[in-house]
Amino acid sequence: MQRGFPVPVEGTIIKPPKELVDEVEHPRVFKEFDFMDFLFYSFSEAAKPIDSAQQIYAFASQVQPKI
């Protein structure tokens, strides 16, 4: 029996459930994205200098980070 981490199939769009997002109190933080696009980005040269915990913000953030 093989065990490991489940990985979404190619073409899976990551997005929050509609019930959890509204424009006033709970705005969307990340844009919708294809999981495989993010996976390829996380191993790209552009993502190497970025801490792995911050890569999702660099890839899918709706707002620009404050520097």
C-alpha atoms as a PDB file:
ATOM      1  CA  MET A   1       0.000   0.000   0.000  1.00  0.00           C
ATOM      2  CA  GLN A   2       1.369   3.397  -0.974  1.00  0.00           C
ATOM      3  CA  ARG A   3       0.947   6.325   1.343  1.00  0.00           C
ATOM      4  CA  GLY A   4       1.733   9.936   0.802  1.00  0.00           C
ATOM      5  CA  PHE A   5       0.260  13.336   0.341  1.00  0.00           C
ATOM      6  CA  PRO A   6      -2.780  13.662  -1.891  1.00  0.00           C
ATOM      7  CA  VAL A   7      -2.206  15.990  -4.832  1.00  0.00           C
ATOM      8  CA  PRO A   8      -5.063  17.503  -6.819  1.00  0.00           C
ATOM      9  CA  VAL A   9      -5.367  16.307 -10.397  1.00  0.00           C
ATOM     10  CA  GLU A  10      -4.222  18.558 -13.227  1.00  0.00           C
ATOM     11  CA  GLY A  11      -6.771  21.265 -13.950  1.00  0.00           C
ATOM     12  CA  THR A  12      -7.987  21.550 -10.352  1.00  0.00           C
ATOM     13  CA  ILE A  13      -8.803  25.173  -9.566  1.00  0.00           C
ATOM     14  CA  ILE A  14      -8.131  26.204  -5.973  1.00  0.00           C
ATOM     15  CA  LYS A  15     -10.701  28.684  -4.642  1.00  0.00           C
ATOM     16  CA  PRO A  16     -12.668  29.304  -1.450  1.00  0.00           C
ATOM     17  CA  PRO A  17     -16.286  28.200  -1.083  1.00  0.00           C
ATOM     18  CA  LYS A  18     -18.669  31.011  -2.104  1.00  0.00           C
ATOM     19  CA  GLU A  19     -20.304  30.943   1.345  1.00  0.00           C
ATOM     20  CA  LEU A  20     -17.050  32.061   2.985  1.00  0.00           C
ATOM     21  CA  VAL A  21     -16.395  35.125   0.818  1.00  0.00           C
ATOM     22  CA  ASP A  22     -18.161  38.467   0.631  1.00  0.00           C
ATOM     23  CA  GLU A  23     -16.987  41.884  -0.522  1.00  0.00           C
ATOM     24  CA  VAL A  24     -17.389  43.679   2.814  1.00  0.00           C
ATOM     25  CA  GLU A  25     -16.524  41.588   5.850  1.00  0.00           C
ATOM     26  CA  HIS A  26     -14.614  38.636   4.340  1.00  0.00           C
ATOM     27  CA  PRO A  27     -13.017  39.669   1.038  1.00  0.00           C
ATOM     28  CA  ARG A  28     -11.077  37.238  -1.111  1.00  0.00           C
ATOM     29  CA  VAL A  29      -7.352  37.196  -0.268  1.00  0.00           C
ATOM     30  CA  PHE A  30      -6.101  34.988  -3.105  1.00  0.00           C
ATOM     31  CA  LYS A  31      -7.148  34.808  -6.740  1.00  0.00           C
ATOM     32  CA  GLU A  32      -8.358  31.456  -8.076  1.00  0.00           C
ATOM     33  CA  PHE A  33      -5.485  29.389  -9.444  1.00  0.00           C
ATOM     34  CA  ASP A  34      -4.668  26.063 -11.032  1.00  0.00           C
ATOM     35  CA  PHE A  35      -2.838  23.886  -8.514  1.00  0.00           C
ATOM     36  CA  MET A  36      -0.351  22.588 -11.090  1.00  0.00           C
ATOM     37  CA  ASP A  37       0.568  26.157 -12.092  1.00  0.00           C
ATOM     38  CA  PHE A  38       1.389  26.876  -8.457  1.00  0.00           C
ATOM     39  CA  LEU A  39       3.334  23.621  -8.107  1.00  0.00           C
ATOM     40  CA  PHE A  40       5.466  24.442 -11.161  1.00  0.00           C
ATOM     41  CA  TYR A  41       5.947  28.007  -9.893  1.00  0.00           C
ATOM     42  CA  SER A  42       7.094  26.787  -6.473  1.00  0.00           C
ATOM     43  CA  PHE A  43       9.988  24.901  -8.120  1.00  0.00           C
ATOM     44  CA  SER A  44      10.873  27.688 -10.575  1.00  0.00           C
ATOM     45  CA  GLU A  45      13.906  29.977 -10.488  1.00  0.00           C
ATOM     46  CA  ALA A  46      11.617  32.922  -9.679  1.00  0.00           C
ATOM     47  CA  ALA A  47      10.404  31.239  -6.487  1.00  0.00           C
ATOM     48  CA  LYS A  48      13.777  29.993  -5.207  1.00  0.00           C
ATOM     49  CA  PRO A  49      14.644  33.130  -3.190  1.00  0.00           C
ATOM     50  CA  ILE A  50      11.154  33.235  -1.630  1.00  0.00           C
ATOM     51  CA  ASP A  51      10.502  31.421   1.640  1.00  0.00           C
ATOM     52  CA  SER A  52       8.205  28.466   0.947  1.00  0.00           C
ATOM     53  CA  ALA A  53       5.591  29.780   3.387  1.00  0.00           C
ATOM     54  CA  GLN A  54       5.450  33.050   1.401  1.00  0.00           C
ATOM     55  CA  GLN A  55       5.305  31.544  -2.096  1.00  0.00           C
ATOM     56  CA  ILE A  56       1.505  31.363  -2.142  1.00  0.00           C
ATOM     57  CA  TYR A  57       1.352  35.117  -1.454  1.00  0.00           C
ATOM     58  CA  ALA A  58       3.815  35.841  -4.260  1.00  0.00           C
ATOM     59  CA  PHE A  59       1.897  33.586  -6.661  1.00  0.00           C
ATOM     60  CA  ALA A  60      -1.784  34.179  -5.924  1.00  0.00           C
ATOM     61  CA  SER A  61      -2.192  37.261  -3.753  1.00  0.00           C
ATOM     62  CA  GLN A  62      -5.031  39.626  -4.648  1.00  0.00           C
ATOM     63  CA  VAL A  63      -3.189  42.566  -3.091  1.00  0.00           C
ATOM     64  CA  GLN A  64       0.412  43.648  -3.351  1.00  0.00           C
ATOM     65  CA  PRO A  65       2.401  43.052  -0.140  1.00  0.00           C
ATOM     66  CA  LYS A  66       3.426  46.136   1.836  1.00  0.00           C
ATOM     67  CA  ILE A  67       7.176  46.587   1.855  1.00  0.00           C
END
